[in-house]
Amino acid sequence: MSQNGEFPWTVVVLTCQHKDSVYAFQRELELRQQRGALPGGALLLTVRDRQEPLGSGGATLNALLVAAEHLSSRAGHTVVTADVLDEAHILILHTGRDFPWSSCSRAFCWLPEEKPGQKVQSPVCVLDLLLDHLSTQICPGSPPGVWVCSTDMILRVPTDFVLSWDGFSGVRVLAVPGDVSYAADHGVYLTDSQGWVRDIIYKGSREQIQQALMPDGKVPLVSGPVFFCRSVSEKLLQTHVSPPLDGCTYLGLDSGAPPLQISLFLDVLKCLCSDLTQDQFMGEDRAGWSSPASPHGAAVRTGRAELWRILRGAPLSLVYIPGGRYDYLTLSGKQHVDRLTSDWTDRNTLSHIQTERLLSEGARIINSVLDGDVAVATRAVVQHCHLQGPLDVPSGCLLSGLDVSMSACIRRLVLSSDIIIQGHRIELGELMLNVYTVMGAHDNLQVSFNDSSASFLNQSWSVFFSSLGIQ
């Protein structure tokens, strides 16, 4: 990974779901700026999503408005002006819904990797990996405009990947190869021979997905990132004064506009696809998305009509990255354990291990202290823990956020394979409370308990834990 962010971001916006996350997320961005992962002159903003579900498209429009407001104010303007976009390089990063395997969303999910060359070693999370790929491989050379990307996935780009921007205008999407079977749960781009996007197929049938086959036998997955050139970015900014699209921004909602849910890919980008007519775009049902036939169908159709009026005509092109990889962070516990124990070069990350010979080759230790004889099997993960042996962590287990006092409880329980135990430290005023959750990695059962009930694990909880496979 690179030691600093080479790309000169003007504004970096991180959206978040909960208002209580704003301060913490803002602090995380500032820490990355201090470490050099983000340029020192970049304006860092954390923007809370509105309580109403506005979708990735609505969150993008709202974040762009907030960024333009700050840039306009910095330039001495009293109103929002599109002139501030002329030389601006804006990055909008979306954090999605809650993630059960990280207290702070998928974006801050730690990975078994270190970033060498820093004065102070620090953990690497999904956000860091994404920022590095964007700042050093994907975005360099791009003209002023707006980049938008989700933080709900791990994106891998070959080290020799170079993106050309000669003669570019309009909107550009990046895609990595995927199997037809994997693409059934995701979206794929359907393109012509020149790389122009004809349509976006979301959770389509096998026959529909196969239409998008590339010469290498793979299909181009909808995997982020998206770039809007300066002229298209200005059109996006106009939506905050265009009913009903103003219902996607905080200004519109504060003024009484009804909330409108739009998708970045299935609405904003879909209206640029060359195969679609206006009637098809406005009347299409999108799987899992707002429908023109729903109780809010009139607003959906009107919103799509406005998107078509404002954006239609901007060219939408695809960049296909052979050798690139995309791993969406699903809610599956087993898949998450598999993800952390596969394809990483570092077995131990920022950890102190007293008896390393007890660690199997396929085990992963992240930001933890293991005192005494702590054996960790292949395909097991210990992160953010202080454990005291003797203790055995079987294959498929994930232990996270456990302090040394929990070691005795776990020792008495005698763990079986594929069990996830997490500890969360919660501050309620002056009260500090440790809350623990236990779940089968196959997501079949879950129980929570706190400090006061932890001493009864071998008693009142024994029947409950035995159903998870814990003796």
Foldseek 3Di string as FASTA:
>chain_A
DDQAQQAQAQEEEEEDADPVCQVVVQVVVVVCCVSHLYPVNHHYGYHYFDNDAAAPLLVVLQRLLVVQVVQCVVVPHPDRDLVSQQQHEYEYEYFDDAAPVDRNGQLAAFAQDWDPDTPDTDTDGLVSQVSCCCRPANPPPDGRFYKYAYSQKRKFADPPHHDDDPPDAFKEWEFEWDALVVQLQFKFFAADPVQFTQAIGGNDDSVVQQNQQDPVRTTTTRHDMMTHHSVLSVLSNVLCVPPPSVLSHPVCVVVPRHHHHDYVVLQLVRLARNNDDLCCSLQDDDVPDDHLPDPCNVRSSVVSVSSNVRRHPGTYGYDYGYVMDMGRDDNQLLVVLVVNQPDDDHQEACEAEPDVVLEDPSEHEENEYEADCEHEYHSEYEYCEYDYDPYYHDHQEYEENYYHVCNVLRRVQADDHQKYKYWDWDDDPPDIKIKMKIAGSRRPDMDMDIDVCSVCCVPPCNVVVVVSVTD
